[in-house]
Amino acid sequence: MKYEDIPLVNNEAIHHFELTVDGTKSYIDYKQIKDVIYLIHTEVPEEMEGQGIAAALVEKAFVYLEQHNLKMVPLCAYIQTYLKRHPEWTKLRAVFE
């Protein structure tokens, strides 16, 4: 299944990037400090696993960060693994000096 037509929702009230597929919500829990987003946890309901939803959610979140000139700190293990497979997104990593 392709998820291009499903919009990413930034639910700022509860600090979630959300993707709703077939009425079921998956999300990335985050914390924002100024222009840095700390990506804490990716959650896909068990019944929706294995359908590429997590990858689509992460990709859409990265596009959102890029469009809004935000940087990220990937604390989530899934997102860290995703970055190893898609190193083109490491440009979004926050650099602290």
Protein backbone atom coordinates (compact mmCIF):
# COMPACT_ATOMS: atom_id res chain seq x y z
CA MET A 1 0.00 0.00 0.00
CA LYS A 2 1.15 3.52 -0.80
CA TYR A 3 0.67 6.36 1.66
CA GLU A 4 1.55 9.43 -0.43
CA ASP A 5 -2.04 10.71 -0.38
CA ILE A 6 -2.44 10.43 3.40
CA PRO A 7 -1.46 13.69 5.08
CA LEU A 8 0.85 13.91 8.06
CA VAL A 9 -0.75 15.69 11.01
CA ASN A 10 1.40 17.59 13.47
CA ASN A 11 -0.68 17.30 16.64
CA GLU A 12 1.17 19.97 18.59
CA ALA A 13 -1.12 19.66 21.62
CA ILE A 14 0.21 16.18 22.42
CA HIS A 15 3.54 16.40 20.53
CA HIS A 16 2.79 13.74 17.90
CA PHE A 17 3.37 13.49 14.20
CA GLU A 18 0.40 11.34 13.18
CA LEU A 19 -0.54 9.23 10.18
CA THR A 20 -4.02 7.67 10.10
CA VAL A 21 -4.40 4.62 7.85
CA ASP A 22 -7.76 2.85 7.59
CA GLY A 23 -8.97 4.69 10.67
CA THR A 24 -5.98 3.60 12.76
CA LYS A 25 -3.49 6.18 14.03
CA SER A 26 0.28 5.69 14.10
CA TYR A 27 2.55 8.39 15.50
CA ILE A 28 5.99 9.68 16.35
CA ASP A 29 6.21 11.14 19.85
CA TYR A 30 8.44 14.22 19.92
CA LYS A 31 9.60 17.12 22.03
CA GLN A 32 10.45 20.48 20.49
CA ILE A 33 12.97 22.92 21.90
CA LYS A 34 13.27 26.01 19.69
CA ASP A 35 14.12 24.75 16.20
CA VAL A 36 15.15 21.23 17.27
CA ILE A 37 12.76 18.29 17.35
CA TYR A 38 13.68 15.34 19.56
CA LEU A 39 12.10 12.26 17.95
CA ILE A 40 11.43 10.04 20.94
CA HIS A 41 9.32 7.07 19.87
CA THR A 42 7.58 5.68 16.78
CA GLU A 43 4.38 3.71 17.42
CA VAL A 44 2.43 1.62 14.91
CA PRO A 45 -0.43 -0.50 16.29
CA GLU A 46 0.39 -4.20 16.19
CA GLU A 47 -2.39 -4.99 13.72
CA MET A 48 -0.88 -2.48 11.25
CA GLU A 49 2.76 -3.61 11.49
CA GLY A 50 4.60 -4.86 8.41
CA GLN A 51 2.76 -2.59 5.97
CA GLY A 52 5.38 0.14 5.62
CA ILE A 53 3.46 2.60 7.77
CA ALA A 54 6.38 3.42 10.08
CA ALA A 55 8.67 4.15 7.11
CA ALA A 56 6.01 6.37 5.49
CA LEU A 57 5.46 8.18 8.79
CA VAL A 58 9.18 8.83 9.28
CA GLU A 59 9.61 9.99 5.67
CA LYS A 60 6.67 12.40 5.99
CA ALA A 61 8.01 13.70 9.31
CA PHE A 62 11.42 14.33 7.74
CA VAL A 63 9.81 16.23 4.86
CA TYR A 64 7.86 18.29 7.41
CA LEU A 65 11.07 19.10 9.33
CA GLU A 66 12.84 20.09 6.15
CA GLN A 67 9.96 22.31 4.98
CA HIS A 68 9.86 24.07 8.36
CA ASN A 69 13.66 24.49 8.67
CA LEU A 70 13.81 22.29 11.76
CA LYS A 71 16.59 19.98 12.87
CA MET A 72 16.20 16.67 14.68
CA VAL A 73 17.74 14.49 17.34
CA PRO A 74 16.74 10.88 16.57
CA LEU A 75 16.30 9.22 19.97
CA CYS A 76 13.96 6.53 18.60
CA ALA A 77 15.69 3.25 17.66
CA TYR A 78 13.47 2.80 14.59
CA ILE A 79 14.35 6.27 13.29
CA GLN A 80 18.06 5.63 13.91
CA THR A 81 17.78 2.45 11.82
CA TYR A 82 15.83 4.29 9.14
CA LEU A 83 18.61 6.88 8.90
CA LYS A 84 21.18 4.14 8.30
CA ARG A 85 19.11 2.94 5.33
CA HIS A 86 18.42 6.49 4.11
CA PRO A 87 21.55 8.54 4.85
CA GLU A 88 20.29 11.40 2.67
CA TRP A 89 18.19 12.48 5.67
CA THR A 90 21.15 12.83 8.05
CA LYS A 91 21.30 16.44 6.84
CA LEU A 92 18.45 17.10 9.27
CA ARG A 93 20.45 16.03 12.34
CA ALA A 94 21.01 18.79 14.86
CA VAL A 95 24.65 19.63 15.47
CA PHE A 96 25.49 20.97 18.91
CA GLU A 97 28.71 22.89 19.35
